[in-house]
């Protein structure tokens, strides 16, 4: 790469991160009111009795999905795959895998969803393919094929890489990034995650001239990959999709620890996308919202990866998952919020008015809310209150709205025992619909199910919770209705922690938009807690959600007194 081109993209990226490139939120208007529902398609609803979820199963349940109060669906990958990594190893980006249906079925899904006011987003695996993808098989043959430079083919492992582990977050290559191959072209290729997932070639941030395989980001191969990604996006958007969540979005350019080159790549793609599909949303798995916002994404997650995460709030040591730590949302009341608060506040201030942060209830890679000893209805209501009253964009993982349990002791299913996690299958078990066979997920024999259904006789189901006014499902509906009707509780409403960050229980924060104000009080601890906050100049405080027997709010001239009962949440409307 020429020096002046490096300087140009570096300057653009630095300007973007500092807030000069994206001065305001350019998301479509509907995104400000979006509430997402994430579906792992193999586990949601089986319509044909083969033990695996499918598109028709989702169509059959669209009315239920709408009843929750969500308005947008996000599907984990449904494209043709070898399923060595749960669908994230794609053999054909332009076809729906036969286990789920056909392209025509997907189009019908979109049409049926749109009839109900539901939008549909897909998962774009932009960084890699399956090693059985036709592009990769052609690329293996030599340097003169159409897809030759879609992948990275080192002729050796450099000495400065030997003994080093790759860093997925920073994109830095390690010795474990080099996969041995029987290709006559080269002894190695670069992978992204599993060996069966060769990395697509977006180039290197700072190519080493001694390494012929390290191409600059504007070389013909990387540019062809970008055009292919745009073709994939256009193909599905033209079939009615409403947007994409981009898997591992920050890892596309190699040896790019500052992410400036990756930001530049996505700026180019997102500019094209927004010009061609102005009503489309672009969501990143970047886990650094201020960077992804600069790259042109409308929404980014703060969840379990990277520096900016919510690990200290939620993760317990359960079934071999995650490192032992004290969770804030555990009943022992020994957690803290300062680490999360400092990280979140930094991101919130950097992205407000530019893009949205999402704190998802869970996803296909991490523990569910109902995990370990965080398993009672009151505990789950406290956590759901947090997720649905914070600013930004809510994402509800299928089954979390009824309190499905994180399952332990499961085997490796389609790559579910990942590099960083030991039991991703525990969050991918079948949706629990009713008390019929296999919890209403499938008519197949138990041993033919994609994953086993929770065997607990008291397992939560949609049918039971739908009829129970006090259920988590109906509480979730209540919160989403409240959020929909309130500017303060919306994605754009202001947020301020009013309790002492060093006195973590209860956590008390104010949501506001003009005269519309709500105070949220969260006490996950099994001990009642009292706190005094600076007077909020309140005439009346009306409880809109939560248990009125578990808390109280008393306005004062100088300070307001708040009592939070054990394991309780309250949402007050302030006038």
Protein backbone atom coordinates (compact mmCIF):
# COMPACT_ATOMS: atom_id res chain seq x y z
CA UNK A 1 0.00 0.00 0.00
CA UNK A 2 1.24 3.46 -0.81
CA UNK A 3 2.08 5.71 2.10
CA UNK A 4 -0.44 8.37 1.09
CA UNK A 5 -3.32 5.82 1.06
CA UNK A 6 -2.38 4.65 4.55
CA UNK A 7 -2.42 8.26 5.71
CA UNK A 8 -5.80 8.89 4.12
CA UNK A 9 -7.64 5.96 5.70
CA UNK A 10 -5.93 6.56 9.05
CA UNK A 11 -7.03 10.18 9.05
CA UNK A 12 -10.57 9.26 8.11
CA UNK A 13 -10.81 6.64 10.83
CA UNK A 14 -9.35 8.88 13.52
CA UNK A 15 -11.78 11.63 12.54
CA UNK A 16 -14.65 9.17 12.72
CA UNK A 17 -13.74 7.94 16.19
CA UNK A 18 -13.44 11.48 17.48
CA UNK A 19 -17.02 12.10 16.36
CA UNK A 20 -16.33 14.26 13.31
CA UNK A 21 -17.44 11.68 10.71
CA UNK A 22 -20.80 10.70 12.16
CA UNK A 23 -22.19 13.87 13.71
CA UNK A 24 -25.68 12.49 14.28
CA UNK A 25 -27.59 9.26 14.29
CA UNK A 26 -28.25 8.30 10.67
CA UNK A 27 -30.27 5.19 11.49
CA UNK A 28 -33.68 4.85 9.85
CA UNK A 29 -36.41 6.42 11.99
CA UNK A 30 -37.91 3.05 12.90
CA UNK A 31 -34.70 1.94 14.61
CA UNK A 32 -35.25 4.38 17.48
CA UNK A 33 -38.31 2.32 18.48
CA UNK A 34 -36.92 -1.11 17.62
CA UNK A 35 -37.10 -3.97 20.11
CA UNK A 36 -35.37 -7.08 18.77
CA UNK A 37 -36.16 -10.74 19.33
CA UNK A 38 -33.26 -13.09 18.58
CA UNK A 39 -34.12 -16.51 17.16
CA UNK A 40 -31.73 -19.44 16.96
CA UNK A 41 -33.62 -21.13 14.11
CA UNK A 42 -32.63 -24.75 14.82
CA UNK A 43 -34.19 -24.49 18.27
CA UNK A 44 -37.29 -22.34 17.90
CA UNK A 45 -40.11 -24.44 16.36
CA UNK A 46 -40.06 -27.60 14.27
CA UNK A 47 -42.98 -27.75 11.84
CA UNK A 48 -42.20 -31.02 10.03
CA UNK A 49 -41.22 -33.40 12.82
CA UNK A 50 -37.55 -33.85 11.95
CA UNK A 51 -36.39 -32.55 15.34
CA UNK A 52 -34.92 -29.29 14.03
CA UNK A 53 -36.54 -25.87 13.91
CA UNK A 54 -37.42 -24.35 10.55
CA UNK A 55 -38.85 -21.31 8.81
CA UNK A 56 -42.42 -22.60 8.77
CA UNK A 57 -42.16 -23.09 12.52
CA UNK A 58 -41.27 -19.42 12.93
CA UNK A 59 -44.15 -18.37 10.67
CA UNK A 60 -46.52 -20.41 12.84
CA UNK A 61 -45.39 -18.45 15.90
CA UNK A 62 -45.29 -14.91 14.53
CA UNK A 63 -48.46 -13.91 16.36
CA UNK A 64 -46.92 -14.98 19.66
CA UNK A 65 -43.71 -13.09 18.89
CA UNK A 66 -45.67 -9.93 18.18
CA UNK A 67 -47.63 -10.37 21.42
CA UNK A 68 -44.44 -10.01 23.47
CA UNK A 69 -44.12 -6.39 22.38
CA UNK A 70 -41.07 -6.77 20.12
CA UNK A 71 -41.12 -5.46 16.56
CA UNK A 72 -37.98 -6.79 14.89
CA UNK A 73 -36.57 -10.30 14.45
CA UNK A 74 -32.90 -11.21 14.19
CA UNK A 75 -32.05 -14.72 13.03
CA UNK A 76 -28.81 -16.54 13.58
CA UNK A 77 -27.46 -17.80 10.22
CA UNK A 78 -29.92 -19.66 8.02
CA UNK A 79 -27.68 -19.99 4.97
CA UNK A 80 -26.37 -23.29 3.57
CA UNK A 81 -23.76 -24.61 5.98
CA UNK A 82 -21.71 -27.60 7.08
CA UNK A 83 -22.86 -26.76 10.65
CA UNK A 84 -19.47 -27.28 12.23
CA UNK A 85 -20.10 -23.99 14.05
CA UNK A 86 -23.85 -23.77 14.37
CA UNK A 87 -24.33 -22.29 10.90
CA UNK A 88 -21.47 -19.80 11.10
CA UNK A 89 -19.49 -21.88 8.58
CA UNK A 90 -21.30 -20.98 5.39
CA UNK A 91 -21.07 -22.89 2.12
CA UNK A 92 -23.47 -20.70 0.14
CA UNK A 93 -24.45 -17.19 1.19
CA UNK A 94 -27.16 -17.04 -1.45
CA UNK A 95 -29.31 -19.98 -0.36
CA UNK A 96 -31.29 -20.94 2.73
CA UNK A 97 -30.09 -24.23 4.19
CA UNK A 98 -32.47 -27.09 3.44
CA UNK A 99 -32.91 -27.87 7.15
CA UNK A 100 -34.76 -24.56 7.44
CA UNK A 101 -36.52 -24.42 4.08
CA UNK A 102 -35.94 -22.59 0.82
CA UNK A 103 -35.36 -19.07 -0.41
CA UNK A 104 -39.06 -18.95 -1.26
CA UNK A 105 -39.87 -19.90 2.35
CA UNK A 106 -37.71 -17.05 3.59
CA UNK A 107 -39.48 -14.60 1.30
CA UNK A 108 -42.81 -15.83 2.65
CA UNK A 109 -41.52 -15.41 6.22
CA UNK A 110 -40.66 -11.79 5.46
CA UNK A 111 -44.07 -11.17 3.94
CA UNK A 112 -45.89 -12.70 6.90
CA UNK A 113 -43.73 -10.79 9.38
CA UNK A 114 -44.30 -7.51 7.58
CA UNK A 115 -48.05 -8.08 7.63
CA UNK A 116 -47.78 -8.07 11.42
CA UNK A 117 -45.54 -5.02 11.61
CA UNK A 118 -42.45 -7.12 12.32
CA UNK A 119 -39.15 -6.48 10.57
CA UNK A 120 -36.62 -9.21 9.76
CA UNK A 121 -32.83 -9.03 10.08
CA UNK A 122 -30.29 -11.67 9.09
CA UNK A 123 -26.86 -12.63 10.39
CA UNK A 124 -24.05 -11.63 8.01
CA UNK A 125 -20.94 -13.74 8.58
CA UNK A 126 -18.60 -11.34 6.83
CA UNK A 127 -15.23 -12.55 8.06
CA UNK A 128 -15.03 -16.17 6.93
CA UNK A 129 -16.67 -19.05 5.11
CA UNK A 130 -16.77 -22.83 5.39
CA UNK A 131 -13.77 -24.70 4.01
CA UNK A 132 -16.35 -26.41 1.76
CA UNK A 133 -17.50 -23.14 0.23
CA UNK A 134 -17.08 -23.14 -3.56
CA UNK A 135 -15.02 -19.95 -3.33
CA UNK A 136 -12.50 -21.63 -1.05
CA UNK A 137 -12.33 -24.82 -3.10
CA UNK A 138 -11.57 -22.74 -6.17
CA UNK A 139 -9.06 -20.61 -4.31
CA UNK A 140 -7.16 -23.75 -3.24
CA UNK A 141 -6.44 -24.60 -6.86
CA UNK A 142 -4.05 -21.75 -7.48
CA UNK A 143 -3.50 -18.01 -7.93
CA UNK A 144 -5.30 -17.67 -11.27
CA UNK A 145 -8.86 -18.53 -10.22
CA UNK A 146 -11.73 -16.09 -9.87
CA UNK A 147 -11.72 -16.50 -6.11
CA UNK A 148 -7.96 -16.97 -5.68
CA UNK A 149 -7.48 -13.88 -3.53
CA UNK A 150 -10.66 -14.22 -1.50
CA UNK A 151 -8.52 -16.02 1.10
CA UNK A 152 -5.05 -15.67 2.62
CA UNK A 153 -2.40 -18.26 1.65
CA UNK A 154 0.89 -17.92 3.59
CA UNK A 155 3.86 -19.95 2.37
CA UNK A 156 5.27 -20.26 5.88
CA UNK A 157 4.72 -19.36 9.54
CA UNK A 158 6.90 -16.30 10.17
CA UNK A 159 9.35 -16.48 13.06
CA UNK A 160 7.78 -13.47 14.77
CA UNK A 161 4.44 -15.29 14.97
CA UNK A 162 5.65 -18.64 16.25
CA UNK A 163 4.57 -19.30 19.81
CA UNK A 164 2.03 -16.48 19.83
CA UNK A 165 -1.72 -16.96 20.16
CA UNK A 166 -4.05 -14.97 17.97
CA UNK A 167 -6.18 -12.27 19.55
CA UNK A 168 -9.68 -12.38 18.08
CA UNK A 169 -10.60 -9.02 19.56
CA UNK A 170 -7.62 -7.11 18.20
CA UNK A 171 -7.34 -9.09 14.97
CA UNK A 172 -3.67 -9.83 15.61
CA UNK A 173 -2.48 -13.02 13.90
CA UNK A 174 -0.97 -15.82 15.99
CA UNK A 175 0.60 -19.17 15.16
CA UNK A 176 -2.79 -20.81 15.75
CA UNK A 177 -4.20 -18.70 12.88
CA UNK A 178 -2.22 -20.79 10.37
CA UNK A 179 -4.00 -23.96 9.27
CA UNK A 180 -2.12 -26.72 7.46
CA UNK A 181 -3.64 -27.69 4.14
CA UNK A 182 -3.09 -30.25 1.41
CA UNK A 183 -3.60 -27.58 -1.22
CA UNK A 184 -0.98 -27.55 -3.94
CA UNK A 185 -1.09 -23.79 -3.76
CA UNK A 186 0.25 -23.26 -0.26
CA UNK A 187 0.96 -25.23 2.91
CA UNK A 188 -1.22 -22.91 5.04
CA UNK A 189 -4.29 -20.72 5.05
CA UNK A 190 -5.43 -18.21 7.67
CA UNK A 191 -8.52 -19.06 9.68
CA UNK A 192 -10.86 -16.90 11.72
CA UNK A 193 -12.24 -19.23 14.41
CA UNK A 194 -12.31 -22.99 13.84
CA UNK A 195 -9.93 -24.61 11.35
CA UNK A 196 -12.92 -25.18 9.08
CA UNK A 197 -13.52 -21.42 8.84
CA UNK A 198 -10.95 -19.86 6.49
CA UNK A 199 -10.78 -16.09 6.82
CA UNK A 200 -11.93 -13.95 3.94
CA UNK A 201 -9.21 -11.62 2.72
CA UNK A 202 -9.87 -7.98 3.61
CA UNK A 203 -6.13 -7.33 3.66
CA UNK A 204 -3.70 -6.35 6.38
CA UNK A 205 -3.56 -3.01 8.15
CA UNK A 206 0.20 -2.77 7.75
CA UNK A 207 1.37 -5.39 5.24
CA UNK A 208 4.84 -6.78 5.77
CA UNK A 209 6.65 -6.51 2.41
CA UNK A 210 8.52 -9.72 3.29
CA UNK A 211 5.20 -11.60 3.45
CA UNK A 212 3.76 -11.82 -0.05
CA UNK A 213 0.40 -13.03 1.27
CA UNK A 214 -0.17 -9.87 3.30
CA UNK A 215 -2.09 -7.66 0.88
CA UNK A 216 -3.13 -4.05 1.54
CA UNK A 217 -6.82 -3.38 2.12
CA UNK A 218 -7.21 -1.74 -1.29
CA UNK A 219 -5.60 -4.61 -3.24
CA UNK A 220 -7.77 -6.32 -5.89
CA UNK A 221 -8.49 -9.38 -3.73
CA UNK A 222 -9.74 -7.50 -0.66
CA UNK A 223 -11.74 -5.14 -2.86
CA UNK A 224 -13.39 -8.11 -4.60
CA UNK A 225 -14.34 -9.54 -1.19
CA UNK A 226 -16.00 -6.24 -0.28
CA UNK A 227 -18.00 -6.29 -3.51
CA UNK A 228 -19.08 -9.86 -2.73
CA UNK A 229 -20.29 -8.79 0.70
CA UNK A 230 -22.28 -5.99 -0.92
CA UNK A 231 -23.76 -8.50 -3.38
CA UNK A 232 -24.84 -10.75 -0.50
CA UNK A 233 -26.45 -7.83 1.30
CA UNK A 234 -28.25 -6.70 -1.85
CA UNK A 235 -29.47 -10.22 -2.63
CA UNK A 236 -31.30 -10.56 0.70
CA UNK A 237 -32.39 -6.95 1.03
CA UNK A 238 -34.03 -7.26 -2.39
CA UNK A 239 -35.95 -10.25 -1.00
CA UNK A 240 -37.38 -8.04 1.71
CA UNK A 241 -34.91 -8.25 4.60
CA UNK A 242 -34.70 -5.15 6.79
CA UNK A 243 -31.06 -5.33 7.83
CA UNK A 244 -28.13 -7.32 9.10
CA UNK A 245 -26.24 -8.08 12.26
CA UNK A 246 -22.58 -8.53 11.28
CA UNK A 247 -20.74 -11.34 13.02
CA UNK A 248 -17.28 -10.49 14.41
CA UNK A 249 -17.39 -7.21 12.51
CA UNK A 250 -14.21 -5.80 14.01
CA UNK A 251 -12.01 -8.72 12.97
CA UNK A 252 -12.09 -8.43 9.18
CA UNK A 253 -8.73 -6.73 8.58
CA UNK A 254 -5.76 -8.67 9.93
CA UNK A 255 -3.13 -7.28 12.30
CA UNK A 256 -5.26 -4.23 12.95
CA UNK A 257 -5.05 -3.72 16.73
CA UNK A 258 -6.27 -0.12 16.57
CA UNK A 259 -9.14 -1.09 14.22
CA UNK A 260 -8.50 1.93 11.99
CA UNK A 261 -8.34 -0.19 8.83
CA UNK A 262 -11.40 -2.22 9.79
CA UNK A 263 -13.29 1.00 10.48
CA UNK A 264 -12.35 2.29 7.03
CA UNK A 265 -13.55 -0.92 5.35
CA UNK A 266 -16.92 -0.73 7.09
CA UNK A 267 -17.25 2.99 6.43
CA UNK A 268 -17.05 2.23 2.73
CA UNK A 269 -19.52 -0.67 2.88
CA UNK A 270 -21.97 1.14 5.15
CA UNK A 271 -21.91 4.26 2.96
CA UNK A 272 -22.88 2.12 -0.03
CA UNK A 273 -25.52 0.31 2.03
CA UNK A 274 -27.18 3.42 3.40
CA UNK A 275 -27.32 5.02 -0.02
CA UNK A 276 -28.90 1.94 -1.62
CA UNK A 277 -31.07 0.83 1.32
CA UNK A 278 -31.82 3.91 3.44
CA UNK A 279 -34.40 2.00 5.52
CA UNK A 280 -31.99 -0.82 6.36
CA UNK A 281 -30.34 -1.23 9.75
CA UNK A 282 -26.74 -2.30 10.29
CA UNK A 283 -25.86 -3.95 13.60
CA UNK A 284 -22.36 -5.00 14.64
CA UNK A 285 -20.85 -7.58 16.89
CA UNK A 286 -17.98 -5.24 17.65
CA UNK A 287 -18.35 -4.77 21.41
CA UNK A 288 -16.94 -1.29 21.25
CA UNK A 289 -19.81 1.02 20.26
CA UNK A 290 -17.74 4.18 19.78
CA UNK A 291 -15.59 2.34 17.21
CA UNK A 292 -18.48 0.61 15.48
CA UNK A 293 -20.41 3.88 15.35
CA UNK A 294 -17.46 5.45 13.57
CA UNK A 295 -17.53 2.51 11.16
CA UNK A 296 -21.13 3.29 10.23
CA UNK A 297 -23.06 0.79 12.33
CA UNK A 298 -26.37 1.84 13.88
CA UNK A 299 -26.29 -0.56 16.86
CA UNK A 300 -23.53 -2.38 18.73
CA UNK A 301 -23.52 -4.73 21.70
CA UNK A 302 -21.95 -4.46 25.13
CA UNK A 303 -22.09 -8.07 26.27
CA UNK A 304 -19.37 -10.63 27.12
CA UNK A 305 -16.38 -9.89 24.88
CA UNK A 306 -13.62 -7.32 24.85
CA UNK A 307 -13.00 -4.55 27.35
CA UNK A 308 -16.49 -3.08 27.08
CA UNK A 309 -18.77 -5.75 28.51
CA UNK A 310 -21.29 -6.51 31.22
CA UNK A 311 -19.57 -9.62 32.57
CA UNK A 312 -19.31 -8.26 36.10
CA UNK A 313 -23.09 -7.82 36.22
CA UNK A 314 -24.33 -11.21 35.12
CA UNK A 315 -21.95 -14.13 34.75
CA UNK A 316 -21.78 -16.83 37.37
CA UNK A 317 -19.57 -19.90 37.39
CA UNK A 318 -22.09 -22.44 36.07
CA UNK A 319 -21.44 -25.74 34.34
CA UNK A 320 -17.88 -24.88 33.38
CA UNK A 321 -18.88 -21.51 31.96
CA UNK A 322 -16.80 -18.36 32.48
CA UNK A 323 -14.33 -17.51 35.19
CA UNK A 324 -15.42 -17.48 38.83
CA UNK A 325 -16.48 -13.99 39.77
CA UNK A 326 -19.04 -12.19 41.88
CA UNK A 327 -22.10 -11.30 39.83
CA UNK A 328 -23.99 -8.11 40.66
CA UNK A 329 -27.29 -9.73 39.71
CA UNK A 330 -26.80 -12.58 42.19
CA UNK A 331 -28.86 -12.77 45.34
CA UNK A 332 -25.84 -12.77 47.67
CA UNK A 333 -25.55 -9.02 47.17
CA UNK A 334 -21.74 -9.03 47.03
CA UNK A 335 -21.31 -7.59 43.54
CA UNK A 336 -20.30 -4.15 42.36
CA UNK A 337 -21.30 -1.87 39.49
CA UNK A 338 -18.34 0.51 39.24
CA UNK A 339 -16.43 -1.50 36.62
CA UNK A 340 -19.49 -1.77 34.38
CA UNK A 341 -20.60 1.80 35.10
CA UNK A 342 -17.26 3.31 34.08
CA UNK A 343 -17.15 1.31 30.85
CA UNK A 344 -20.79 1.93 30.00
CA UNK A 345 -20.65 5.65 30.77
CA UNK A 346 -17.66 6.06 28.49
CA UNK A 347 -19.52 4.39 25.64
CA UNK A 348 -22.83 6.09 26.36
CA UNK A 349 -21.29 9.56 26.27
CA UNK A 350 -19.30 8.76 23.12
CA UNK A 351 -22.27 7.42 21.13
CA UNK A 352 -25.29 9.37 22.37
CA UNK A 353 -27.07 10.91 19.40
CA UNK A 354 -24.87 8.95 16.98
CA UNK A 355 -25.72 5.26 17.41
CA UNK A 356 -27.29 2.86 19.90
CA UNK A 357 -25.83 0.55 22.51
CA UNK A 358 -27.53 -2.78 23.15
CA UNK A 359 -27.33 -4.72 26.39
CA UNK A 360 -28.91 -8.02 25.24
CA UNK A 361 -30.70 -10.33 27.68
CA UNK A 362 -28.49 -13.10 26.32
CA UNK A 363 -27.56 -14.79 23.08
CA UNK A 364 -26.46 -18.07 21.51
CA UNK A 365 -22.93 -17.77 22.94
CA UNK A 366 -23.50 -16.92 26.60
CA UNK A 367 -25.44 -17.97 29.69
CA UNK A 368 -29.15 -17.32 29.90
CA UNK A 369 -30.51 -15.06 32.61
CA UNK A 370 -31.80 -18.17 34.39
CA UNK A 371 -28.43 -19.68 35.29
CA UNK A 372 -27.15 -21.30 38.45
CA UNK A 373 -28.78 -19.84 41.55
CA UNK A 374 -30.28 -16.90 39.65
CA UNK A 375 -33.40 -18.90 38.94
CA UNK A 376 -36.45 -17.51 40.74
CA UNK A 377 -39.20 -15.39 39.25
CA UNK A 378 -38.38 -12.35 41.37
CA UNK A 379 -34.70 -12.52 40.36
CA UNK A 380 -35.54 -12.77 36.68
CA UNK A 381 -37.94 -9.84 36.92
CA UNK A 382 -35.19 -7.67 38.40
CA UNK A 383 -32.83 -8.51 35.54
CA UNK A 384 -35.51 -8.01 32.89
CA UNK A 385 -36.31 -4.61 34.40
CA UNK A 386 -32.71 -3.59 33.88
CA UNK A 387 -32.58 -4.72 30.26
CA UNK A 388 -35.86 -3.11 29.24
CA UNK A 389 -35.45 0.25 31.00
CA UNK A 390 -31.91 1.08 29.89
CA UNK A 391 -31.33 3.39 26.91
CA UNK A 392 -30.35 2.02 23.52
CA UNK A 393 -31.86 -0.96 21.75
CA UNK A 394 -33.26 -3.98 23.64
CA UNK A 395 -32.50 -7.47 22.31
CA UNK A 396 -34.44 -10.35 23.88
CA UNK A 397 -33.03 -13.82 23.28
CA UNK A 398 -35.76 -16.36 22.52
CA UNK A 399 -37.01 -18.00 25.70
CA UNK A 400 -35.59 -15.38 28.06
CA UNK A 401 -39.04 -13.78 28.18
CA UNK A 402 -40.35 -16.93 29.89
CA UNK A 403 -37.22 -17.59 31.96
CA UNK A 404 -35.86 -20.64 30.14
CA UNK A 405 -33.02 -22.24 32.08
CA UNK A 406 -29.39 -22.45 31.00
CA UNK A 407 -28.79 -26.19 30.64
CA UNK A 408 -25.57 -27.78 31.91
CA UNK A 409 -23.87 -31.06 31.04
CA UNK A 410 -24.67 -30.96 27.32
CA UNK A 411 -22.40 -32.42 24.66
CA UNK A 412 -20.66 -30.59 21.85
CA UNK A 413 -23.37 -29.94 19.28
CA UNK A 414 -22.31 -28.41 15.97
CA UNK A 415 -19.30 -26.67 17.48
CA UNK A 416 -21.08 -25.44 20.59
CA UNK A 417 -18.03 -26.05 22.75
CA UNK A 418 -16.14 -23.05 21.47
CA UNK A 419 -12.67 -21.70 22.04
CA UNK A 420 -13.78 -19.31 24.77
CA UNK A 421 -16.86 -21.09 26.13
CA UNK A 422 -17.43 -24.67 27.16
CA UNK A 423 -21.19 -25.00 26.83
CA UNK A 424 -22.82 -22.75 24.30
CA UNK A 425 -25.36 -25.53 23.73
CA UNK A 426 -26.78 -24.73 27.16
CA UNK A 427 -28.36 -21.58 25.74
CA UNK A 428 -29.51 -23.19 22.48
CA UNK A 429 -32.02 -25.75 23.74
CA UNK A 430 -35.52 -25.95 22.21
CA UNK A 431 -38.11 -23.30 22.92
CA UNK A 432 -40.65 -24.41 25.50
CA UNK A 433 -44.13 -23.82 24.18
CA UNK A 434 -46.46 -26.00 26.26
CA UNK A 435 -46.72 -29.26 28.21
CA UNK A 436 -47.17 -31.51 25.20
CA UNK A 437 -44.46 -33.79 23.81
CA UNK A 438 -41.02 -32.13 23.75
CA UNK A 439 -42.55 -28.98 25.25
CA UNK A 440 -44.38 -28.40 21.97
CA UNK A 441 -41.15 -27.84 20.06
CA UNK A 442 -41.32 -30.95 17.88
CA UNK A 443 -43.23 -34.19 17.40
CA UNK A 444 -39.95 -36.07 16.80
CA UNK A 445 -38.68 -38.73 19.17
CA UNK A 446 -36.71 -37.22 22.04
CA UNK A 447 -33.36 -38.57 20.82
CA UNK A 448 -33.89 -37.02 17.39
CA UNK A 449 -34.23 -33.49 18.75
CA UNK A 450 -31.63 -30.90 17.80
CA UNK A 451 -30.84 -30.55 21.51
CA UNK A 452 -32.65 -31.98 24.55
CA UNK A 453 -35.59 -30.12 26.02
CA UNK A 454 -35.38 -29.09 29.68
CA UNK A 455 -36.64 -32.13 31.63
CA UNK A 456 -37.70 -30.21 34.74
CA UNK A 457 -41.40 -30.89 35.36
CA UNK A 458 -41.75 -27.27 36.47
CA UNK A 459 -40.06 -25.85 33.39
CA UNK A 460 -41.56 -22.56 32.17
CA UNK A 461 -43.67 -22.64 29.02
CA UNK A 462 -45.41 -20.02 26.93
CA UNK A 463 -48.80 -21.65 27.53
CA UNK A 464 -48.49 -21.51 31.32
CA UNK A 465 -47.05 -18.03 31.50
CA UNK A 466 -49.50 -16.56 29.04
CA UNK A 467 -52.33 -17.37 31.47
CA UNK A 468 -50.51 -16.15 34.59
CA UNK A 469 -50.78 -12.37 35.16
CA UNK A 470 -47.74 -12.48 37.46
CA UNK A 471 -45.51 -14.41 35.03
CA UNK A 472 -42.21 -13.19 33.62
CA UNK A 473 -43.77 -13.21 30.14
CA UNK A 474 -46.54 -10.84 31.16
CA UNK A 475 -44.10 -8.69 33.14
CA UNK A 476 -41.96 -8.42 29.99
CA UNK A 477 -45.03 -7.36 28.04
CA UNK A 478 -45.83 -4.77 30.70
CA UNK A 479 -42.33 -3.28 30.57
CA UNK A 480 -42.31 -3.15 26.77
CA UNK A 481 -45.69 -1.42 26.73
CA UNK A 482 -44.40 1.11 29.24
CA UNK A 483 -41.25 1.66 27.18
CA UNK A 484 -43.24 2.08 23.95
CA UNK A 485 -45.45 4.78 25.49
CA UNK A 486 -42.67 6.75 27.19
CA UNK A 487 -40.14 9.12 25.53
CA UNK A 488 -38.01 8.89 28.68
CA UNK A 489 -37.74 5.09 28.55
CA UNK A 490 -37.08 5.05 24.81
CA UNK A 491 -33.78 4.33 23.12
CA UNK A 492 -33.04 8.08 22.98
CA UNK A 493 -34.12 9.08 26.49
CA UNK A 494 -31.45 10.46 28.81
CA UNK A 495 -29.91 8.23 31.46
CA UNK A 496 -28.23 9.12 34.75
CA UNK A 497 -27.18 7.01 37.72
CA UNK A 498 -28.47 8.86 40.79
CA UNK A 499 -27.35 6.39 43.46
CA UNK A 500 -23.73 6.16 44.63
CA UNK A 501 -21.68 4.00 42.28
CA UNK A 502 -19.73 2.79 45.32
CA UNK A 503 -22.93 1.75 47.11
CA UNK A 504 -24.12 -0.78 44.52
CA UNK A 505 -27.34 -1.94 46.17
CA UNK A 506 -29.81 -0.70 45.15
CA UNK A 507 -28.88 0.63 41.71
CA UNK A 508 -31.03 3.69 41.04
CA UNK A 509 -31.11 5.54 37.74
CA UNK A 510 -33.18 8.28 36.16
CA UNK A 511 -34.54 8.14 32.62
CA UNK A 512 -35.80 11.44 31.27
CA UNK A 513 -36.95 13.26 28.16
CA UNK A 514 -38.23 16.77 28.78
CA UNK A 515 -40.94 16.55 31.44
CA UNK A 516 -41.25 12.77 31.09
CA UNK A 517 -39.24 11.17 33.91
CA UNK A 518 -38.95 7.65 35.32
CA UNK A 519 -36.89 6.38 38.22
CA UNK A 520 -35.73 2.77 38.18
CA UNK A 521 -34.73 1.01 41.40
CA UNK A 522 -33.00 -2.38 41.21
CA UNK A 523 -32.07 -4.55 44.19
CA UNK A 524 -30.94 -8.05 43.18
CA UNK A 525 -29.77 -8.66 46.76
CA UNK A 526 -31.69 -10.92 49.12
CA UNK A 527 -31.33 -8.19 51.76
CA UNK A 528 -33.61 -5.11 51.82
CA UNK A 529 -31.70 -1.93 51.07
CA UNK A 530 -32.22 1.79 51.73
CA UNK A 531 -30.64 4.69 49.93
CA UNK A 532 -30.86 8.47 49.95
CA UNK A 533 -30.44 10.41 46.71
CA UNK A 534 -30.32 14.11 45.96
CA UNK A 535 -33.85 15.47 45.72
CA UNK A 536 -35.34 15.04 42.26
CA UNK A 537 -38.01 17.69 42.92
CA UNK A 538 -40.87 15.22 42.77
CA UNK A 539 -44.49 15.96 43.56
CA UNK A 540 -45.72 12.41 43.06
CA UNK A 541 -44.05 9.10 42.30
CA UNK A 542 -46.39 6.53 40.76
CA UNK A 543 -45.31 2.91 40.61
CA UNK A 544 -45.71 1.73 37.00
CA UNK A 545 -43.95 -1.65 37.21
CA UNK A 546 -42.69 -3.80 40.04
CA UNK A 547 -44.06 -4.91 43.39
CA UNK A 548 -45.55 -2.09 45.46
CA UNK A 549 -45.19 -4.18 48.63
CA UNK A 550 -41.42 -4.35 48.22
CA UNK A 551 -40.41 -0.74 47.89
CA UNK A 552 -41.18 2.87 48.70
CA UNK A 553 -40.21 6.31 47.48
CA UNK A 554 -40.44 9.39 49.73
CA UNK A 555 -39.59 12.78 48.18
CA UNK A 556 -37.88 15.36 50.38
CA UNK A 557 -36.62 18.93 50.21
CA UNK A 558 -32.93 18.01 50.15
CA UNK A 559 -32.94 14.26 49.65
CA UNK A 560 -35.34 11.57 48.51
CA UNK A 561 -35.53 8.36 50.54
CA UNK A 562 -35.83 5.05 48.71
CA UNK A 563 -36.49 1.66 50.21
CA UNK A 564 -35.92 -1.41 48.03
CA UNK A 565 -37.18 -4.74 49.27
CA UNK A 566 -35.19 -7.93 48.90
CA UNK A 567 -34.79 -9.03 45.27
CA UNK A 568 -37.09 -6.36 43.91
CA UNK A 569 -37.43 -3.78 41.17
CA UNK A 570 -39.57 -0.68 40.93
CA UNK A 571 -40.21 1.68 38.04
CA UNK A 572 -41.69 5.00 39.19
CA UNK A 573 -43.17 7.72 37.01
CA UNK A 574 -42.14 11.07 38.47
CA UNK A 575 -44.34 14.16 38.31
